[in-house]
Amino acid sequence: MRRLSFGLMGALLGISLVTAAAQEAHAKAGITRSETCSRLSHQLDEAIETHAKAVQVAEAKALQKKASRYCAARKEAQGIRMLADALKLLGVAPAEPNQ
């Protein structure tokens, strides 16, 4: 009887460890492109505020407007690239998607 209960407890422990690892992997990969669009757009808003006197602000705002249209049209990859270019134009490194 004890042998059966130790075996059962071991099996349950193994299953719970595998389930926990799978949930952690799913949580890390959970950032969508649309979330990345909004995060980069927010980062660009902050960068524009801090670099308000920069000559490139007008061009960065134009890129942001165009990128927002791409993100809204479900062409997130193009929008993300444009937002990253606008941030680089202001001298700001785009945030990593997993942050």
PDB file of N, CA and C in Angstrom:
ATOM      1  N   MET A   1       0.821  -1.194   0.000  1.00  0.00           N
ATOM      2  CA  MET A   1       0.000   0.000   0.000  1.00  0.00           C
ATOM      3  C   MET A   1       0.864   1.257   0.000  1.00  0.00           C
ATOM      4  N   ARG A   2       1.912   1.273   0.823  1.00  0.00           N
ATOM      5  CA  ARG A   2       2.793   2.442   0.869  1.00  0.00           C
ATOM      6  C   ARG A   2       3.521   2.631  -0.445  1.00  0.00           C
ATOM      7  N   ARG A   3       3.919   1.516  -1.045  1.00  0.00           N
ATOM      8  CA  ARG A   3       4.642   1.592  -2.297  1.00  0.00           C
ATOM      9  C   ARG A   3       3.767   2.245  -3.374  1.00  0.00           C
ATOM     10  N   LEU A   4       2.511   1.902  -3.387  1.00  0.00           N
ATOM     11  CA  LEU A   4       1.570   2.461  -4.341  1.00  0.00           C
ATOM     12  C   LEU A   4       1.380   3.961  -4.094  1.00  0.00           C
ATOM     13  N   SER A   5       1.280   4.378  -2.852  1.00  0.00           N
ATOM     14  CA  SER A   5       1.074   5.799  -2.562  1.00  0.00           C
ATOM     15  C   SER A   5       2.318   6.623  -2.888  1.00  0.00           C
ATOM     16  N   PHE A   6       3.528   6.086  -2.644  1.00  0.00           N
ATOM     17  CA  PHE A   6       4.747   6.811  -3.008  1.00  0.00           C
ATOM     18  C   PHE A   6       4.855   6.932  -4.533  1.00  0.00           C
ATOM     19  N   GLY A   7       4.497   5.890  -5.232  1.00  0.00           N
ATOM     20  CA  GLY A   7       4.514   5.925  -6.696  1.00  0.00           C
ATOM     21  C   GLY A   7       3.519   6.932  -7.241  1.00  0.00           C
ATOM     22  N   LEU A   8       2.349   6.945  -6.649  1.00  0.00           N
ATOM     23  CA  LEU A   8       1.318   7.889  -7.069  1.00  0.00           C
ATOM     24  C   LEU A   8       1.738   9.331  -6.774  1.00  0.00           C
ATOM     25  N   MET A   9       2.336   9.554  -5.625  1.00  0.00           N
ATOM     26  CA  MET A   9       2.803  10.910  -5.271  1.00  0.00           C
ATOM     27  C   MET A   9       3.913  11.359  -6.214  1.00  0.00           C
ATOM     28  N   GLY A  10       4.806  10.437  -6.558  1.00  0.00           N
ATOM     29  CA  GLY A  10       5.876  10.770  -7.501  1.00  0.00           C
ATOM     30  C   GLY A  10       5.334  11.143  -8.871  1.00  0.00           C
ATOM     31  N   ALA A  11       4.348  10.389  -9.321  1.00  0.00           N
ATOM     32  CA  ALA A  11       3.735  10.674 -10.618  1.00  0.00           C
ATOM     33  C   ALA A  11       3.033  12.031 -10.598  1.00  0.00           C
ATOM     34  N   LEU A  12       2.322  12.317  -9.531  1.00  0.00           N
ATOM     35  CA  LEU A  12       1.637  13.609  -9.425  1.00  0.00           C
ATOM     36  C   LEU A  12       2.628  14.767  -9.369  1.00  0.00           C
ATOM     37  N   LEU A  13       3.722  14.569  -8.678  1.00  0.00           N
ATOM     38  CA  LEU A  13       4.754  15.604  -8.613  1.00  0.00           C
ATOM     39  C   LEU A  13       5.345  15.854  -9.993  1.00  0.00           C
ATOM     40  N   GLY A  14       5.613  14.781 -10.724  1.00  0.00           N
ATOM     41  CA  GLY A  14       6.150  14.929 -12.076  1.00  0.00           C
ATOM     42  C   GLY A  14       5.198  15.663 -12.996  1.00  0.00           C
ATOM     43  N   ILE A  15       3.927  15.322 -12.912  1.00  0.00           N
ATOM     44  CA  ILE A  15       2.921  15.982 -13.747  1.00  0.00           C
ATOM     45  C   ILE A  15       2.815  17.464 -13.395  1.00  0.00           C
ATOM     46  N   SER A  16       2.863  17.784 -12.118  1.00  0.00           N
ATOM     47  CA  SER A  16       2.752  19.194 -11.719  1.00  0.00           C
ATOM     48  C   SER A  16       3.969  19.991 -12.170  1.00  0.00           C
ATOM     49  N   LEU A  17       5.149  19.396 -12.144  1.00  0.00           N
ATOM     50  CA  LEU A  17       6.352  20.097 -12.615  1.00  0.00           C
ATOM     51  C   LEU A  17       6.288  20.359 -14.114  1.00  0.00           C
ATOM     52  N   VAL A  18       5.834  19.388 -14.868  1.00  0.00           N
ATOM     53  CA  VAL A  18       5.708  19.566 -16.318  1.00  0.00           C
ATOM     54  C   VAL A  18       4.667  20.638 -16.635  1.00  0.00           C
ATOM     55  N   THR A  19       3.556  20.631 -15.932  1.00  0.00           N
ATOM     56  CA  THR A  19       2.514  21.631 -16.139  1.00  0.00           C
ATOM     57  C   THR A  19       3.016  23.032 -15.803  1.00  0.00           C
ATOM     58  N   ALA A  20       3.757  23.161 -14.721  1.00  0.00           N
ATOM     59  CA  ALA A  20       4.290  24.470 -14.335  1.00  0.00           C
ATOM     60  C   ALA A  20       5.277  24.980 -15.377  1.00  0.00           C
ATOM     61  N   ALA A  21       6.122  24.101 -15.909  1.00  0.00           N
ATOM     62  CA  ALA A  21       7.088  24.507 -16.929  1.00  0.00           C
ATOM     63  C   ALA A  21       6.376  24.935 -18.206  1.00  0.00           C
ATOM     64  N   ALA A  22       5.308  24.232 -18.576  1.00  0.00           N
ATOM     65  CA  ALA A  22       4.554  24.593 -19.776  1.00  0.00           C
ATOM     66  C   ALA A  22       3.864  25.943 -19.608  1.00  0.00           C
ATOM     67  N   GLN A  23       3.330  26.219 -18.440  1.00  0.00           N
ATOM     68  CA  GLN A  23       2.673  27.505 -18.195  1.00  0.00           C
ATOM     69  C   GLN A  23       3.680  28.644 -18.234  1.00  0.00           C
ATOM     70  N   GLU A  24       4.871  28.425 -17.711  1.00  0.00           N
ATOM     71  CA  GLU A  24       5.906  29.453 -17.727  1.00  0.00           C
ATOM     72  C   GLU A  24       6.342  29.754 -19.150  1.00  0.00           C
ATOM     73  N   ALA A  25       6.497  28.723 -19.972  1.00  0.00           N
ATOM     74  CA  ALA A  25       6.885  28.927 -21.363  1.00  0.00           C
ATOM     75  C   ALA A  25       5.800  29.678 -22.118  1.00  0.00           C
ATOM     76  N   HIS A  26       4.537  29.365 -21.835  1.00  0.00           N
ATOM     77  CA  HIS A  26       3.434  30.062 -22.489  1.00  0.00           C
ATOM     78  C   HIS A  26       3.390  31.530 -22.068  1.00  0.00           C
ATOM     79  N   ALA A  27       3.689  31.819 -20.809  1.00  0.00           N
ATOM     80  CA  ALA A  27       3.659  33.198 -20.321  1.00  0.00           C
ATOM     81  C   ALA A  27       4.753  34.028 -20.975  1.00  0.00           C
ATOM     82  N   LYS A  28       5.914  33.446 -21.227  1.00  0.00           N
ATOM     83  CA  LYS A  28       7.011  34.184 -21.851  1.00  0.00           C
ATOM     84  C   LYS A  28       6.712  34.503 -23.304  1.00  0.00           C
ATOM     85  N   ALA A  29       6.019  33.628 -24.006  1.00  0.00           N
ATOM     86  CA  ALA A  29       5.743  33.811 -25.418  1.00  0.00           C
ATOM     87  C   ALA A  29       4.403  34.498 -25.656  1.00  0.00           C
ATOM     88  N   GLY A  30       3.821  35.117 -24.656  1.00  0.00           N
ATOM     89  CA  GLY A  30       2.479  35.643 -24.760  1.00  0.00           C
ATOM     90  C   GLY A  30       2.351  37.044 -25.315  1.00  0.00           C
ATOM     91  N   ILE A  31       3.416  37.695 -25.700  1.00  0.00           N
ATOM     92  CA  ILE A  31       3.317  39.064 -26.196  1.00  0.00           C
ATOM     93  C   ILE A  31       2.989  39.036 -27.686  1.00  0.00           C
ATOM     94  N   THR A  32       1.884  39.644 -28.049  1.00  0.00           N
ATOM     95  CA  THR A  32       1.471  39.658 -29.450  1.00  0.00           C
ATOM     96  C   THR A  32       2.068  40.867 -30.170  1.00  0.00           C
ATOM     97  N   ARG A  33       1.950  40.844 -31.481  1.00  0.00           N
ATOM     98  CA  ARG A  33       2.468  41.965 -32.272  1.00  0.00           C
ATOM     99  C   ARG A  33       1.684  43.238 -31.991  1.00  0.00           C
ATOM    100  N   SER A  34       0.386  43.114 -31.786  1.00  0.00           N
ATOM    101  CA  SER A  34      -0.407  44.316 -31.506  1.00  0.00           C
ATOM    102  C   SER A  34       0.000  44.932 -30.163  1.00  0.00           C
ATOM    103  N   GLU A  35       0.340  44.081 -29.177  1.00  0.00           N
ATOM    104  CA  GLU A  35       0.846  44.601 -27.903  1.00  0.00           C
ATOM    105  C   GLU A  35       2.189  45.281 -28.106  1.00  0.00           C
ATOM    106  N   THR A  36       3.026  44.713 -28.971  1.00  0.00           N
ATOM    107  CA  THR A  36       4.316  45.322 -29.272  1.00  0.00           C
ATOM    108  C   THR A  36       4.114  46.676 -29.942  1.00  0.00           C
ATOM    109  N   CYS A  37       3.132  46.766 -30.838  1.00  0.00           N
ATOM    110  CA  CYS A  37       2.812  48.052 -31.481  1.00  0.00           C
ATOM    111  C   CYS A  37       2.469  49.107 -30.438  1.00  0.00           C
ATOM    112  N   SER A  38       1.588  48.748 -29.523  1.00  0.00           N
ATOM    113  CA  SER A  38       1.159  49.740 -28.534  1.00  0.00           C
ATOM    114  C   SER A  38       2.296  50.089 -27.571  1.00  0.00           C
ATOM    115  N   ARG A  39       3.122  49.128 -27.201  1.00  0.00           N
ATOM    116  CA  ARG A  39       4.251  49.422 -26.309  1.00  0.00           C
ATOM    117  C   ARG A  39       5.255  50.348 -26.967  1.00  0.00           C
ATOM    118  N   LEU A  40       5.577  50.070 -28.238  1.00  0.00           N
ATOM    119  CA  LEU A  40       6.532  50.930 -28.944  1.00  0.00           C
ATOM    120  C   LEU A  40       5.953  52.317 -29.182  1.00  0.00           C
ATOM    121  N   SER A  41       4.655  52.389 -29.456  1.00  0.00           N
ATOM    122  CA  SER A  41       4.015  53.688 -29.652  1.00  0.00           C
ATOM    123  C   SER A  41       4.057  54.502 -28.366  1.00  0.00           C
ATOM    124  N   HIS A  42       3.816  53.849 -27.251  1.00  0.00           N
ATOM    125  CA  HIS A  42       3.898  54.535 -25.951  1.00  0.00           C
ATOM    126  C   HIS A  42       5.337  54.985 -25.678  1.00  0.00           C
ATOM    127  N   GLN A  43       6.305  54.126 -26.001  1.00  0.00           N
ATOM    128  CA  GLN A  43       7.707  54.495 -25.808  1.00  0.00           C
ATOM    129  C   GLN A  43       8.064  55.695 -26.692  1.00  0.00           C
ATOM    130  N   LEU A  44       7.515  55.724 -27.905  1.00  0.00           N
ATOM    131  CA  LEU A  44       7.777  56.842 -28.803  1.00  0.00           C
ATOM    132  C   LEU A  44       7.152  58.129 -28.272  1.00  0.00           C
ATOM    133  N   ASP A  45       5.949  58.040 -27.702  1.00  0.00           N
ATOM    134  CA  ASP A  45       5.325  59.216 -27.088  1.00  0.00           C
ATOM    135  C   ASP A  45       6.224  59.804 -26.006  1.00  0.00           C
ATOM    136  N   GLU A  46       6.767  58.933 -25.167  1.00  0.00           N
ATOM    137  CA  GLU A  46       7.668  59.399 -24.097  1.00  0.00           C
ATOM    138  C   GLU A  46       8.946  59.994 -24.673  1.00  0.00           C
ATOM    139  N   ALA A  47       9.473  59.376 -25.726  1.00  0.00           N
ATOM    140  CA  ALA A  47      10.696  59.886 -26.339  1.00  0.00           C
ATOM    141  C   ALA A  47      10.465  61.247 -26.985  1.00  0.00           C
ATOM    142  N   ILE A  48       9.289  61.436 -27.572  1.00  0.00           N
ATOM    143  CA  ILE A  48       8.973  62.729 -28.189  1.00  0.00           C
ATOM    144  C   ILE A  48       8.878  63.809 -27.119  1.00  0.00           C
ATOM    145  N   GLU A  49       8.306  63.483 -25.965  1.00  0.00           N
ATOM    146  CA  GLU A  49       8.218  64.454 -24.877  1.00  0.00           C
ATOM    147  C   GLU A  49       9.600  64.858 -24.376  1.00  0.00           C
ATOM    148  N   THR A  50      10.503  63.915 -24.253  1.00  0.00           N
ATOM    149  CA  THR A  50      11.826  64.240 -23.722  1.00  0.00           C
ATOM    150  C   THR A  50      12.720  64.879 -24.767  1.00  0.00           C
ATOM    151  N   HIS A  51      12.453  64.629 -26.037  1.00  0.00           N
ATOM    152  CA  HIS A  51      13.263  65.209 -27.113  1.00  0.00           C
ATOM    153  C   HIS A  51      12.450  66.242 -27.889  1.00  0.00           C
ATOM    154  N   ALA A  52      11.632  67.004 -27.189  1.00  0.00           N
ATOM    155  CA  ALA A  52      10.683  67.925 -27.823  1.00  0.00           C
ATOM    156  C   ALA A  52      11.361  68.966 -28.697  1.00  0.00           C
ATOM    157  N   LYS A  53      12.602  69.300 -28.409  1.00  0.00           N
ATOM    158  CA  LYS A  53      13.277  70.333 -29.180  1.00  0.00           C
ATOM    159  C   LYS A  53      14.049  69.776 -30.372  1.00  0.00           C
ATOM    160  N   ALA A  54      14.051  68.483 -30.510  1.00  0.00           N
ATOM    161  CA  ALA A  54      14.800  67.860 -31.595  1.00  0.00           C
ATOM    162  C   ALA A  54      14.150  68.178 -32.940  1.00  0.00           C
ATOM    163  N   VAL A  55      14.973  68.323 -33.942  1.00  0.00           N
ATOM    164  CA  VAL A  55      14.499  68.623 -35.291  1.00  0.00           C
ATOM    165  C   VAL A  55      13.745  67.420 -35.868  1.00  0.00           C
ATOM    166  N   GLN A  56      14.108  66.222 -35.433  1.00  0.00           N
ATOM    167  CA  GLN A  56      13.527  65.007 -35.977  1.00  0.00           C
ATOM    168  C   GLN A  56      12.139  64.684 -35.409  1.00  0.00           C
ATOM    169  N   VAL A  57      11.635  65.469 -34.477  1.00  0.00           N
ATOM    170  CA  VAL A  57      10.351  65.171 -33.834  1.00  0.00           C
ATOM    171  C   VAL A  57       9.216  65.144 -34.854  1.00  0.00           C
ATOM    172  N   ALA A  58       9.188  66.074 -35.778  1.00  0.00           N
ATOM    173  CA  ALA A  58       8.118  66.109 -36.780  1.00  0.00           C
ATOM    174  C   ALA A  58       8.143  64.858 -37.642  1.00  0.00           C
ATOM    175  N   GLU A  59       9.329  64.442 -38.038  1.00  0.00           N
ATOM    176  CA  GLU A  59       9.449  63.232 -38.852  1.00  0.00           C
ATOM    177  C   GLU A  59       9.073  61.995 -38.041  1.00  0.00           C
ATOM    178  N   ALA A  60       9.442  61.976 -36.763  1.00  0.00           N
ATOM    179  CA  ALA A  60       9.104  60.848 -35.900  1.00  0.00           C
ATOM    180  C   ALA A  60       7.588  60.758 -35.700  1.00  0.00           C
ATOM    181  N   LYS A  61       6.927  61.907 -35.550  1.00  0.00           N
ATOM    182  CA  LYS A  61       5.468  61.914 -35.398  1.00  0.00           C
ATOM    183  C   LYS A  61       4.784  61.422 -36.674  1.00  0.00           C
ATOM    184  N   ALA A  62       5.320  61.806 -37.828  1.00  0.00           N
ATOM    185  CA  ALA A  62       4.748  61.342 -39.094  1.00  0.00           C
ATOM    186  C   ALA A  62       4.904  59.825 -39.222  1.00  0.00           C
ATOM    187  N   LEU A  63       6.066  59.309 -38.839  1.00  0.00           N
ATOM    188  CA  LEU A  63       6.273  57.860 -38.869  1.00  0.00           C
ATOM    189  C   LEU A  63       5.346  57.152 -37.898  1.00  0.00           C
ATOM    190  N   GLN A  64       5.114  57.755 -36.731  1.00  0.00           N
ATOM    191  CA  GLN A  64       4.229  57.156 -35.743  1.00  0.00           C
ATOM    192  C   GLN A  64       2.794  57.090 -36.265  1.00  0.00           C
ATOM    193  N   LYS A  65       2.359  58.136 -36.930  1.00  0.00           N
ATOM    194  CA  LYS A  65       1.002  58.167 -37.478  1.00  0.00           C
ATOM    195  C   LYS A  65       0.837  57.086 -38.544  1.00  0.00           C
ATOM    196  N   LYS A  66       1.829  56.965 -39.407  1.00  0.00           N
ATOM    197  CA  LYS A  66       1.787  55.950 -40.456  1.00  0.00           C
ATOM    198  C   LYS A  66       1.852  54.546 -39.852  1.00  0.00           C
ATOM    199  N   ALA A  67       2.687  54.374 -38.829  1.00  0.00           N
ATOM    200  CA  ALA A  67       2.821  53.075 -38.164  1.00  0.00           C
ATOM    201  C   ALA A  67       1.519  52.690 -37.470  1.00  0.00           C
ATOM    202  N   SER A  68       0.837  53.662 -36.899  1.00  0.00           N
ATOM    203  CA  SER A  68      -0.447  53.387 -36.239  1.00  0.00           C
ATOM    204  C   SER A  68      -1.471  52.871 -37.239  1.00  0.00           C
ATOM    205  N   ARG A  69      -1.434  53.420 -38.449  1.00  0.00           N
ATOM    206  CA  ARG A  69      -2.345  52.935 -39.483  1.00  0.00           C
ATOM    207  C   ARG A  69      -2.020  51.493 -39.869  1.00  0.00           C
ATOM    208  N   TYR A  70      -0.740  51.188 -39.978  1.00  0.00           N
ATOM    209  CA  TYR A  70      -0.352  49.811 -40.286  1.00  0.00           C
ATOM    210  C   TYR A  70      -0.788  48.856 -39.175  1.00  0.00           C
ATOM    211  N   CYS A  71      -0.559  49.242 -37.926  1.00  0.00           N
ATOM    212  CA  CYS A  71      -0.938  48.376 -36.805  1.00  0.00           C
ATOM    213  C   CYS A  71      -2.445  48.166 -36.765  1.00  0.00           C
ATOM    214  N   ALA A  72      -3.214  49.201 -37.062  1.00  0.00           N
ATOM    215  CA  ALA A  72      -4.670  49.092 -37.057  1.00  0.00           C
ATOM    216  C   ALA A  72      -5.174  48.240 -38.224  1.00  0.00           C
ATOM    217  N   ALA A  73      -4.417  48.210 -39.318  1.00  0.00           N
ATOM    218  CA  ALA A  73      -4.807  47.442 -40.498  1.00  0.00           C
ATOM    219  C   ALA A  73      -4.289  46.005 -40.437  1.00  0.00           C
ATOM    220  N   ARG A  74      -3.864  45.579 -39.253  1.00  0.00           N
ATOM    221  CA  ARG A  74      -3.350  44.229 -39.009  1.00  0.00           C
ATOM    222  C   ARG A  74      -2.085  43.930 -39.822  1.00  0.00           C
ATOM    223  N   LYS A  75      -1.301  44.966 -40.059  1.00  0.00           N
ATOM    224  CA  LYS A  75       0.018  44.831 -40.688  1.00  0.00           C
ATOM    225  C   LYS A  75       1.047  45.263 -39.651  1.00  0.00           C
ATOM    226  N   GLU A  76       1.028  44.527 -38.520  1.00  0.00           N
ATOM    227  CA  GLU A  76       1.821  44.918 -37.362  1.00  0.00           C
ATOM    228  C   GLU A  76       3.319  44.919 -37.623  1.00  0.00           C
ATOM    229  N   ALA A  77       3.801  44.005 -38.458  1.00  0.00           N
ATOM    230  CA  ALA A  77       5.238  43.925 -38.702  1.00  0.00           C
ATOM    231  C   ALA A  77       5.766  45.232 -39.307  1.00  0.00           C
ATOM    232  N   GLN A  78       5.037  45.778 -40.284  1.00  0.00           N
ATOM    233  CA  GLN A  78       5.437  47.046 -40.882  1.00  0.00           C
ATOM    234  C   GLN A  78       5.336  48.180 -39.873  1.00  0.00           C
ATOM    235  N   GLY A  79       4.270  48.163 -39.068  1.00  0.00           N
ATOM    236  CA  GLY A  79       4.101  49.193 -38.049  1.00  0.00           C
ATOM    237  C   GLY A  79       5.204  49.163 -37.010  1.00  0.00           C
ATOM    238  N   ILE A  80       5.579  47.957 -36.586  1.00  0.00           N
ATOM    239  CA  ILE A  80       6.649  47.815 -35.598  1.00  0.00           C
ATOM    240  C   ILE A  80       7.965  48.328 -36.162  1.00  0.00           C
ATOM    241  N   ARG A  81       8.233  48.011 -37.424  1.00  0.00           N
ATOM    242  CA  ARG A  81       9.477  48.507 -38.042  1.00  0.00           C
ATOM    243  C   ARG A  81       9.490  50.029 -38.108  1.00  0.00           C
ATOM    244  N   MET A  82       8.362  50.625 -38.461  1.00  0.00           N
ATOM    245  CA  MET A  82       8.297  52.091 -38.541  1.00  0.00           C
ATOM    246  C   MET A  82       8.454  52.736 -37.177  1.00  0.00           C
ATOM    247  N   LEU A  83       7.830  52.157 -36.161  1.00  0.00           N
ATOM    248  CA  LEU A  83       7.974  52.697 -34.811  1.00  0.00           C
ATOM    249  C   LEU A  83       9.415  52.586 -34.340  1.00  0.00           C
ATOM    250  N   ALA A  84      10.066  51.468 -34.651  1.00  0.00           N
ATOM    251  CA  ALA A  84      11.475  51.305 -34.284  1.00  0.00           C
ATOM    252  C   ALA A  84      12.340  52.326 -35.009  1.00  0.00           C
ATOM    253  N   ASP A  85      12.044  52.567 -36.287  1.00  0.00           N
ATOM    254  CA  ASP A  85      12.798  53.577 -37.039  1.00  0.00           C
ATOM    255  C   ASP A  85      12.603  54.969 -36.450  1.00  0.00           C
ATOM    256  N   ALA A  86      11.379  55.290 -36.034  1.00  0.00           N
ATOM    257  CA  ALA A  86      11.109  56.596 -35.439  1.00  0.00           C
ATOM    258  C   ALA A  86      11.874  56.756 -34.124  1.00  0.00           C
ATOM    259  N   LEU A  87      11.923  55.688 -33.328  1.00  0.00           N
ATOM    260  CA  LEU A  87      12.679  55.754 -32.073  1.00  0.00           C
ATOM    261  C   LEU A  87      14.165  55.943 -32.343  1.00  0.00           C
ATOM    262  N   LYS A  88      14.676  55.218 -33.316  1.00  0.00           N
ATOM    263  CA  LYS A  88      16.098  55.347 -33.661  1.00  0.00           C
ATOM    264  C   LYS A  88      16.410  56.743 -34.176  1.00  0.00           C
ATOM    265  N   LEU A  89      15.456  57.340 -34.890  1.00  0.00           N
ATOM    266  CA  LEU A  89      15.616  58.698 -35.394  1.00  0.00           C
ATOM    267  C   LEU A  89      15.838  59.682 -34.247  1.00  0.00           C
ATOM    268  N   LEU A  90      15.175  59.423 -33.111  1.00  0.00           N
ATOM    269  CA  LEU A  90      15.318  60.274 -31.926  1.00  0.00           C
ATOM    270  C   LEU A  90      16.490  59.850 -31.049  1.00  0.00           C
ATOM    271  N   GLY A  91      17.186  58.794 -31.445  1.00  0.00           N
ATOM    272  CA  GLY A  91      18.333  58.336 -30.670  1.00  0.00           C
ATOM    273  C   GLY A  91      17.967  57.455 -29.491  1.00  0.00           C
ATOM    274  N   VAL A  92      16.804  56.815 -29.558  1.00  0.00           N
ATOM    275  CA  VAL A  92      16.323  55.959 -28.490  1.00  0.00           C
ATOM    276  C   VAL A  92      16.284  54.518 -28.998  1.00  0.00           C
ATOM    277  N   ALA A  93      16.795  53.598 -28.203  1.00  0.00           N
ATOM    278  CA  ALA A  93      16.765  52.190 -28.575  1.00  0.00           C
ATOM    279  C   ALA A  93      15.360  51.633 -28.307  1.00  0.00           C
ATOM    280  N   PRO A  94      14.760  50.953 -29.300  1.00  0.00           N
ATOM    281  CA  PRO A  94      13.429  50.360 -29.077  1.00  0.00           C
ATOM    282  C   PRO A  94      13.493  49.295 -27.980  1.00  0.00           C
ATOM    283  N   ALA A  95      12.463  49.258 -27.147  1.00  0.00           N
ATOM    284  CA  ALA A  95      12.396  48.274 -26.070  1.00  0.00           C
ATOM    285  C   ALA A  95      12.193  46.889 -26.653  1.00  0.00           C
ATOM    286  N   GLU A  96      12.766  45.895 -25.998  1.00  0.00           N
ATOM    287  CA  GLU A  96      12.591  44.519 -26.418  1.00  0.00           C
ATOM    288  C   GLU A  96      11.153  44.091 -26.178  1.00  0.00           C
ATOM    289  N   PRO A  97      10.593  43.252 -27.050  1.00  0.00           N
ATOM    290  CA  PRO A  97       9.208  42.835 -26.874  1.00  0.00           C
ATOM    291  C   PRO A  97       8.933  42.052 -25.588  1.00  0.00           C
ATOM    292  N   ASN A  98       9.913  41.360 -25.040  1.00  0.00           N
ATOM    293  CA  ASN A  98       9.681  40.545 -23.846  1.00  0.00           C
ATOM    294  C   ASN A  98       9.796  41.336 -22.564  1.00  0.00           C
ATOM    295  N   GLN A  99       9.951  42.634 -22.644  1.00  0.00           N
ATOM    296  CA  GLN A  99      10.076  43.445 -21.422  1.00  0.00           C
ATOM    297  C   GLN A  99       8.739  43.971 -20.991  1.00  0.00           C
TER     298      GLN A  99
END
